[in-house]
Amino acid sequence: MYVGTTFFRRVAPSCYDAAARLRDMDAAGVDVQVLSTVPVLFCYDAPPRPAALLARALNDHLAAVCAAHPDRFVGLATLPLQDCAAAVEELDRVRRMPGVVGVQIGTSVERGRDEVGGVVMLDDERLEGFWAACERWDVPVFVHPLGYALTRENQGRWGRYWSSWLVGMPCETALAMHAVMSSGLLVRHPGLRLCFAHGGGAFPALLGRIQHGFDCRPDLVATRACGVTPTEHFMGTAPIWIDSLMHDPDLMEYVIRKLGPGGAERIVLGSDYPFPLGEVPVAGKMLTEDERLARFITWEERAGVLAKNAIRFLKLGNDFENRFEKRLRKAAWRHRDSAVELDEVDESEAFAKGNVLPAVHDSEDSSLGSGNS
């Protein structure tokens, strides 16, 4: 895989071969994956027409895989956001395709270097038509950082030690969330459903600082926020979700606290399968096996993160809900002392360990676009 003429990464068959992916899923006990395009294939810096054609081809492929395996895959489409009208047109097309249940976008639209207007952030008025369409058609949006754009911007800053991936991507996500909240986007469009990758990146750790800035310099931070603070946004005033890919139980505990009451219900399973920064080979391993989680999240809430929350966020419907409940009833976890008494979830149905995962988890499919981290 190349970015322009620069080698990006070599991908394995699991990134483009549904049969290879299904074998991995079966080995890990994963029932359903949510497929999405690797962000490098967003091609936001390409001319609009070729980018629209590529998005259409990627989405057709994704929909075909989902149609061939409707019980195992659902998909998130990609859109040519450098042309908002073309993006809305493609959104209108893909939302009618069986198996396509939402869209994935970048944390910004990195247009061509020579284009007037440069980088388009998610609060930019040029994307207003896109957000209005997502709200009107009730399409959920998964937001993923780009990473690769940072080394082009400043090779000296981001080029060493995998810094663009390890530090840059969480910063991209934090900046996108800051823009969304400070601009009043979710107040103007309260029907939107947004999910941010990697536990919201660096945003949760910066929330106190951002809130303080909102309070002490409202003239710089709060002029477009419609009176809703960053803390209120994150705690559920607005429909913000995050995924679970944090690699750190202490961080997950902090994030759940910051999300407020019922915060664990707005976390969906993130995997970044099949790439090394993901939780591979078994997505959800930390949730099911790390005993430190017992102090702050119940087994019932863990089951929600593993599957039920994604079913709710994507509105997958009764069939997926019923499959999840059936899977949950059959599961038998090696339950130890946790933050909930066994009788709260049914002693005979306590959950399974490791490779026995309920229903849906997030993943990213390659030539359908593959993992990015």
Protein backbone atom coordinates (compact mmCIF):
# COMPACT_ATOMS: atom_id res chain seq x y z
CA MET A 1 0.00 0.00 0.00
CA TYR A 2 1.36 3.44 -0.98
CA VAL A 3 0.55 7.04 -0.13
CA GLY A 4 1.22 8.67 -3.46
CA THR A 5 4.61 7.26 -4.41
CA THR A 6 5.67 6.60 -0.80
CA PHE A 7 5.46 3.08 0.61
CA PHE A 8 2.98 3.00 3.49
CA ARG A 9 2.65 -0.62 4.64
CA ARG A 10 2.37 -4.19 3.44
CA VAL A 11 -1.00 -5.72 4.21
CA ALA A 12 -1.89 -9.33 5.00
CA PRO A 13 -4.72 -11.32 3.34
CA SER A 14 -6.96 -10.59 6.33
CA CYS A 15 -7.08 -7.00 5.09
CA TYR A 16 -8.78 -7.88 1.82
CA ASP A 17 -9.81 -11.56 1.89
CA ALA A 18 -13.10 -12.20 3.68
CA ALA A 19 -12.30 -15.91 4.08
CA ALA A 20 -9.02 -15.14 5.86
CA ARG A 21 -10.77 -12.65 8.10
CA LEU A 22 -13.53 -15.11 8.97
CA ARG A 23 -10.93 -17.69 9.98
CA ASP A 24 -9.38 -15.16 12.37
CA MET A 25 -12.79 -14.24 13.73
CA ASP A 26 -13.69 -17.87 14.35
CA ALA A 27 -10.37 -18.49 16.08
CA ALA A 28 -10.93 -15.50 18.39
CA GLY A 29 -14.61 -16.23 19.03
CA VAL A 30 -15.80 -13.03 17.32
CA ASP A 31 -19.31 -13.21 15.91
CA VAL A 32 -19.54 -9.93 14.00
CA GLN A 33 -17.12 -7.27 12.81
CA VAL A 34 -17.80 -3.71 11.73
CA LEU A 35 -15.72 -3.09 8.60
CA SER A 36 -14.29 0.26 7.58
CA THR A 37 -11.72 1.76 5.26
CA VAL A 38 -8.12 2.41 6.23
CA PRO A 39 -7.89 6.22 6.54
CA VAL A 40 -5.07 6.48 4.01
CA LEU A 41 -7.69 5.50 1.42
CA PHE A 42 -9.90 8.45 2.31
CA CYS A 43 -7.75 10.34 -0.23
CA TYR A 44 -8.97 13.71 0.98
CA ASP A 45 -5.99 15.32 -0.76
CA ALA A 46 -6.97 13.96 -4.19
CA PRO A 47 -9.03 15.88 -6.75
CA PRO A 48 -12.74 15.51 -5.93
CA ARG A 49 -13.78 13.46 -8.94
CA PRO A 50 -11.21 10.64 -8.60
CA ALA A 51 -11.76 10.60 -4.83
CA ALA A 52 -15.50 10.18 -5.33
CA LEU A 53 -14.92 7.30 -7.75
CA LEU A 54 -12.57 5.59 -5.32
CA ALA A 55 -15.02 6.02 -2.42
CA ARG A 56 -17.75 4.49 -4.56
CA ALA A 57 -15.57 1.50 -5.45
CA LEU A 58 -14.54 0.95 -1.82
CA ASN A 59 -18.13 1.19 -0.65
CA ASP A 60 -19.36 -1.21 -3.33
CA HIS A 61 -16.73 -3.72 -2.25
CA LEU A 62 -17.58 -3.29 1.42
CA ALA A 63 -21.30 -3.70 0.72
CA ALA A 64 -20.63 -6.83 -1.35
CA VAL A 65 -18.68 -8.45 1.51
CA CYS A 66 -21.43 -7.56 3.97
CA ALA A 67 -24.09 -8.92 1.61
CA ALA A 68 -22.18 -12.18 1.20
CA HIS A 69 -21.87 -12.62 4.98
CA PRO A 70 -24.78 -10.70 6.51
CA ASP A 71 -24.51 -12.48 9.86
CA ARG A 72 -20.78 -11.73 10.25
CA PHE A 73 -20.14 -8.27 8.80
CA VAL A 74 -21.67 -4.80 8.75
CA GLY A 75 -19.90 -1.81 7.23
CA LEU A 76 -19.05 1.86 7.59
CA ALA A 77 -18.79 3.67 4.27
CA THR A 78 -16.17 6.26 3.31
CA LEU A 79 -16.99 9.60 1.69
CA PRO A 80 -15.11 12.19 -0.44
CA LEU A 81 -15.37 14.97 2.14
CA GLN A 82 -13.16 17.36 0.18
CA ASP A 83 -16.35 17.91 -1.88
CA CYS A 84 -19.28 18.18 0.51
CA ALA A 85 -21.92 17.91 -2.21
CA ALA A 86 -20.30 14.73 -3.58
CA ALA A 87 -20.02 13.34 -0.04
CA VAL A 88 -23.72 13.90 0.61
CA GLU A 89 -24.58 12.30 -2.75
CA GLU A 90 -22.53 9.20 -1.90
CA LEU A 91 -24.00 9.13 1.60
CA ASP A 92 -27.50 9.10 0.13
CA ARG A 93 -26.48 6.16 -2.08
CA VAL A 94 -24.73 4.01 0.53
CA ARG A 95 -27.31 4.48 3.27
CA ARG A 96 -29.70 2.44 1.14
CA MET A 97 -27.26 -0.45 0.69
CA PRO A 98 -27.88 -3.55 2.84
CA GLY A 99 -25.18 -4.05 5.42
CA VAL A 100 -23.93 -0.44 5.37
CA VAL A 101 -24.86 0.94 8.78
CA GLY A 102 -22.90 4.20 9.03
CA VAL A 103 -19.86 6.11 7.82
CA GLN A 104 -16.27 6.58 8.91
CA ILE A 105 -14.53 9.93 8.45
CA GLY A 106 -11.21 11.47 9.41
CA THR A 107 -10.57 13.92 12.22
CA SER A 108 -9.95 16.53 9.52
CA VAL A 109 -10.06 16.80 5.76
CA GLU A 110 -6.46 17.14 4.60
CA ARG A 111 -7.00 18.71 1.20
CA GLY A 112 -4.32 19.00 -1.47
CA ARG A 113 -1.41 21.29 -0.57
CA ASP A 114 -2.15 23.63 -3.45
CA GLU A 115 -5.87 23.90 -2.75
CA VAL A 116 -7.32 27.14 -1.44
CA GLY A 117 -8.65 26.68 2.08
CA GLY A 118 -6.15 24.05 3.24
CA VAL A 119 -7.18 21.73 6.06
CA VAL A 120 -10.90 21.54 6.80
CA MET A 121 -11.68 20.79 10.46
CA LEU A 122 -14.92 19.10 11.46
CA ASP A 123 -16.46 22.37 12.66
CA ASP A 124 -15.85 24.06 9.29
CA GLU A 125 -18.99 25.55 7.76
CA ARG A 126 -18.11 23.82 4.48
CA LEU A 127 -19.14 20.53 6.11
CA GLU A 128 -22.47 21.82 7.40
CA GLY A 129 -24.37 20.08 4.59
CA PHE A 130 -22.76 16.77 5.49
CA TRP A 131 -23.70 17.04 9.16
CA ALA A 132 -27.24 18.06 8.29
CA ALA A 133 -27.56 15.02 6.02
CA CYS A 134 -26.23 12.64 8.69
CA GLU A 135 -28.76 14.00 11.16
CA ARG A 136 -31.61 13.97 8.65
CA TRP A 137 -30.95 10.36 7.61
CA ASP A 138 -29.93 9.22 11.11
CA VAL A 139 -26.51 7.97 10.00
CA PRO A 140 -23.94 7.27 12.76
CA VAL A 141 -20.43 8.63 12.23
CA PHE A 142 -17.19 7.01 13.41
CA VAL A 143 -14.30 9.51 13.55
CA HIS A 144 -10.76 8.17 13.14
CA PRO A 145 -7.46 10.11 13.11
CA LEU A 146 -5.31 10.18 9.98
CA GLY A 147 -1.78 9.86 11.33
CA TYR A 148 -0.10 9.68 7.94
CA ALA A 149 -0.73 13.37 7.24
CA LEU A 150 1.44 14.49 10.17
CA THR A 151 4.74 13.32 8.70
CA ARG A 152 3.95 15.17 5.49
CA GLU A 153 3.27 18.28 7.52
CA ASN A 154 6.49 18.08 9.56
CA GLN A 155 8.79 15.10 9.12
CA GLY A 156 11.23 16.35 11.74
CA ARG A 157 8.56 16.55 14.42
CA TRP A 158 6.57 13.40 13.67
CA GLY A 159 8.88 11.15 11.68
CA ARG A 160 10.82 9.37 14.44
CA TYR A 161 9.84 6.81 17.07
CA TRP A 162 6.44 6.14 15.48
CA SER A 163 5.45 9.50 16.93
CA SER A 164 2.75 10.30 14.38
CA TRP A 165 0.90 7.14 15.41
CA LEU A 166 1.61 7.03 19.14
CA VAL A 167 1.31 10.75 19.96
CA GLY A 168 0.01 12.44 16.81
CA MET A 169 -3.15 10.40 16.29
CA PRO A 170 -4.46 10.90 19.86
CA CYS A 171 -3.77 14.62 19.45
CA GLU A 172 -5.67 14.71 16.15
CA THR A 173 -8.67 13.12 17.84
CA ALA A 174 -8.51 15.53 20.78
CA LEU A 175 -8.36 18.52 18.44
CA ALA A 176 -11.34 17.24 16.46
CA MET A 177 -13.40 16.72 19.62
CA HIS A 178 -12.42 20.17 20.88
CA ALA A 179 -13.57 21.73 17.60
CA VAL A 180 -16.86 19.83 17.59
CA MET A 181 -17.70 20.82 21.16
CA SER A 182 -16.51 24.43 21.01
CA SER A 183 -18.36 25.13 17.78
CA GLY A 184 -21.81 24.12 19.01
CA LEU A 185 -22.06 21.51 16.26
CA LEU A 186 -23.91 19.03 18.44
CA VAL A 187 -26.23 21.73 19.74
CA ARG A 188 -27.18 22.69 16.18
CA HIS A 189 -27.52 19.02 15.24
CA PRO A 190 -28.64 17.21 18.39
CA GLY A 191 -29.66 14.14 16.41
CA LEU A 192 -26.10 13.31 15.37
CA ARG A 193 -24.40 10.18 16.70
CA LEU A 194 -20.60 10.52 16.83
CA CYS A 195 -18.08 7.95 18.03
CA PHE A 196 -14.40 8.86 18.38
CA ALA A 197 -11.65 6.26 18.06
CA HIS A 198 -9.07 5.17 20.63
CA GLY A 199 -10.98 6.23 23.71
CA GLY A 200 -11.26 9.79 22.45
CA GLY A 201 -7.49 10.05 22.01
CA ALA A 202 -5.91 12.65 24.27
CA PHE A 203 -9.17 14.52 24.85
CA PRO A 204 -10.20 12.93 28.19
CA ALA A 205 -6.81 13.77 29.73
CA LEU A 206 -7.12 17.35 28.47
CA LEU A 207 -10.72 17.85 29.55
CA GLY A 208 -9.83 19.68 32.76
CA ARG A 209 -7.52 22.05 30.90
CA ILE A 210 -10.07 22.68 28.16
CA GLN A 211 -12.84 23.26 30.70
CA HIS A 212 -10.62 25.75 32.54
CA GLY A 213 -9.96 27.57 29.28
CA PHE A 214 -13.69 27.65 28.59
CA ASP A 215 -14.24 29.22 32.01
CA CYS A 216 -11.35 31.71 32.11
CA ARG A 217 -11.30 32.78 28.43
CA PRO A 218 -14.83 32.35 27.11
CA ASP A 219 -14.02 35.03 24.54
CA LEU A 220 -11.63 32.53 22.91
CA VAL A 221 -13.27 29.18 23.63
CA ALA A 222 -16.99 29.62 24.25
CA THR A 223 -18.25 32.10 21.66
CA ARG A 224 -19.85 29.39 19.46
CA ALA A 225 -20.49 26.71 22.08
CA CYS A 226 -24.17 27.65 22.59
CA GLY A 227 -23.69 27.65 26.35
CA VAL A 228 -22.74 23.96 26.62
CA THR A 229 -19.43 23.33 28.37
CA PRO A 230 -16.86 20.74 27.27
CA THR A 231 -17.56 18.74 30.44
CA GLU A 232 -21.30 18.76 29.76
CA HIS A 233 -20.67 17.61 26.21
CA PHE A 234 -18.50 14.71 27.29
CA MET A 235 -20.83 13.68 30.12
CA GLY A 236 -23.71 13.06 27.78
CA THR A 237 -25.47 16.34 27.07
CA ALA A 238 -24.43 15.61 23.48
CA PRO A 239 -24.46 12.20 21.78
CA ILE A 240 -20.72 11.47 21.99
CA TRP A 241 -19.42 7.90 22.10
CA ILE A 242 -15.88 6.54 22.18
CA ASP A 243 -14.28 3.17 21.55
CA SER A 244 -12.47 1.04 24.11
CA LEU A 245 -9.00 0.88 22.53
CA MET A 246 -7.00 2.47 25.37
CA HIS A 247 -4.61 -0.37 26.36
CA ASP A 248 -4.73 0.81 29.97
CA PRO A 249 -7.24 -0.15 32.70
CA ASP A 250 -6.39 2.96 34.74
CA LEU A 251 -7.16 5.19 31.78
CA MET A 252 -10.41 3.36 31.13
CA GLU A 253 -11.45 3.90 34.76
CA TYR A 254 -10.71 7.62 34.47
CA VAL A 255 -12.57 7.92 31.16
CA ILE A 256 -15.66 6.15 32.49
CA ARG A 257 -15.72 8.54 35.45
CA LYS A 258 -15.46 11.53 33.11
CA LEU A 259 -18.26 10.18 30.92
CA GLY A 260 -20.52 10.43 33.95
CA PRO A 261 -23.35 8.17 35.13
CA GLY A 262 -23.86 5.30 32.71
CA GLY A 263 -20.66 6.28 30.94
CA ALA A 264 -19.66 2.70 30.19
CA GLU A 265 -22.78 2.44 28.02
CA ARG A 266 -21.23 4.94 25.58
CA ILE A 267 -18.10 2.88 24.97
CA VAL A 268 -17.99 0.42 22.06
CA LEU A 269 -15.33 -2.20 21.48
CA GLY A 270 -12.38 -0.99 19.40
CA SER A 271 -9.96 -3.46 17.87
CA ASP A 272 -7.89 -1.87 15.06
CA TYR A 273 -7.68 -5.43 13.77
CA PRO A 274 -5.44 -6.68 12.21
CA PHE A 275 -2.68 -4.15 12.95
CA PRO A 276 -0.08 -4.10 15.74
CA LEU A 277 -1.49 -1.13 17.64
CA GLY A 278 -4.79 -2.94 17.88
CA GLU A 279 -5.87 -5.47 20.45
CA VAL A 280 -4.86 -8.58 18.54
CA PRO A 281 -5.38 -11.47 18.19
CA VAL A 282 -8.31 -11.21 20.61
CA ALA A 283 -10.19 -7.92 20.75
CA GLY A 284 -11.64 -7.36 24.19
CA LYS A 285 -8.93 -9.31 26.00
CA MET A 286 -8.35 -6.52 28.51
CA LEU A 287 -12.07 -6.29 29.22
CA THR A 288 -12.46 -9.98 29.83
CA GLU A 289 -9.20 -10.90 31.56
CA ASP A 290 -7.67 -7.95 33.36
CA GLU A 291 -8.67 -8.22 37.01
CA ARG A 292 -8.02 -4.52 37.64
CA LEU A 293 -11.24 -3.67 35.84
CA ALA A 294 -13.25 -5.27 38.64
CA ARG A 295 -12.93 -2.13 40.77
CA PHE A 296 -14.87 0.10 38.37
CA ILE A 297 -16.86 -1.81 35.74
CA THR A 298 -19.39 -4.60 36.18
CA TRP A 299 -19.50 -7.76 34.12
CA GLU A 300 -22.79 -6.60 32.67
CA GLU A 301 -21.18 -3.32 31.57
CA ARG A 302 -18.27 -5.23 30.06
CA ALA A 303 -20.68 -7.30 28.00
CA GLY A 304 -22.21 -4.03 26.82
CA VAL A 305 -18.82 -2.76 25.65
CA LEU A 306 -18.09 -6.06 23.91
CA ALA A 307 -21.28 -5.95 21.87
CA LYS A 308 -24.50 -4.38 23.07
CA ASN A 309 -23.33 -0.78 22.98
CA ALA A 310 -22.25 -1.06 19.34
CA ILE A 311 -25.60 -2.62 18.49
CA ARG A 312 -27.28 0.40 20.08
CA PHE A 313 -24.94 3.01 18.57
CA LEU A 314 -25.31 1.60 15.05
CA LYS A 315 -29.02 0.76 15.55
CA LEU A 316 -28.49 -2.73 14.18
CA GLY A 317 -31.95 -3.83 15.24
CA ASN A 318 -33.71 -6.69 16.95
CA ASP A 319 -31.94 -9.51 15.16
CA PHE A 320 -28.54 -8.44 16.46
CA GLU A 321 -30.00 -7.66 19.88
CA ASN A 322 -31.52 -11.15 20.09
CA ARG A 323 -28.29 -12.80 18.96
CA PHE A 324 -26.39 -10.89 21.61
CA GLU A 325 -28.82 -11.90 24.35
CA LYS A 326 -28.71 -15.53 23.24
CA ARG A 327 -24.90 -15.47 23.18
CA LEU A 328 -24.84 -13.88 26.61
CA ARG A 329 -27.15 -16.51 28.08
CA LYS A 330 -24.91 -19.28 26.78
CA ALA A 331 -21.69 -17.70 27.93
CA ALA A 332 -20.06 -18.83 31.16
CA TRP A 333 -17.46 -16.42 32.45
CA ARG A 334 -14.81 -17.35 34.95
CA HIS A 335 -16.19 -14.78 37.29
CA ARG A 336 -14.11 -13.43 40.15
CA ASP A 337 -14.88 -10.69 42.64
CA SER A 338 -16.03 -7.69 40.66
CA ALA A 339 -17.81 -4.41 41.07
CA VAL A 340 -21.18 -6.19 40.86
CA GLU A 341 -22.70 -9.09 42.76
CA LEU A 342 -23.25 -12.18 40.67
CA ASP A 343 -26.99 -12.17 41.23
CA GLU A 344 -27.24 -8.83 39.42
CA VAL A 345 -26.49 -10.54 36.13
CA ASP A 346 -27.71 -14.06 36.87
CA GLU A 347 -25.35 -16.45 38.56
CA SER A 348 -25.73 -19.15 35.93
CA GLU A 349 -24.98 -16.74 33.10
CA ALA A 350 -21.97 -14.89 34.41
CA PHE A 351 -19.86 -14.39 31.09
CA ALA A 352 -17.04 -16.19 29.32
CA LYS A 353 -13.37 -15.50 29.24
CA GLY A 354 -11.03 -14.28 26.56
CA ASN A 355 -12.00 -15.82 23.28
CA VAL A 356 -15.72 -16.13 23.96
CA LEU A 357 -16.92 -12.71 22.90
CA PRO A 358 -20.53 -11.67 22.53
CA ALA A 359 -21.71 -10.28 19.21
CA VAL A 360 -20.32 -7.14 17.65
CA HIS A 361 -16.95 -5.47 17.87
CA ASP A 362 -15.36 -2.70 15.88
CA SER A 363 -12.73 -3.52 13.32
CA GLU A 364 -11.28 -2.02 10.24
CA ASP A 365 -11.14 -3.91 7.01
CA SER A 366 -8.43 -3.11 4.60
CA SER A 367 -8.91 -2.96 0.94
CA LEU A 368 -12.23 -2.21 2.27
CA GLY A 369 -9.73 -0.19 4.00
CA SER A 370 -7.82 -1.68 6.71
CA GLY A 371 -6.69 -0.98 10.13
CA ASN A 372 -4.86 2.15 10.48
CA SER A 373 -3.05 1.93 13.70
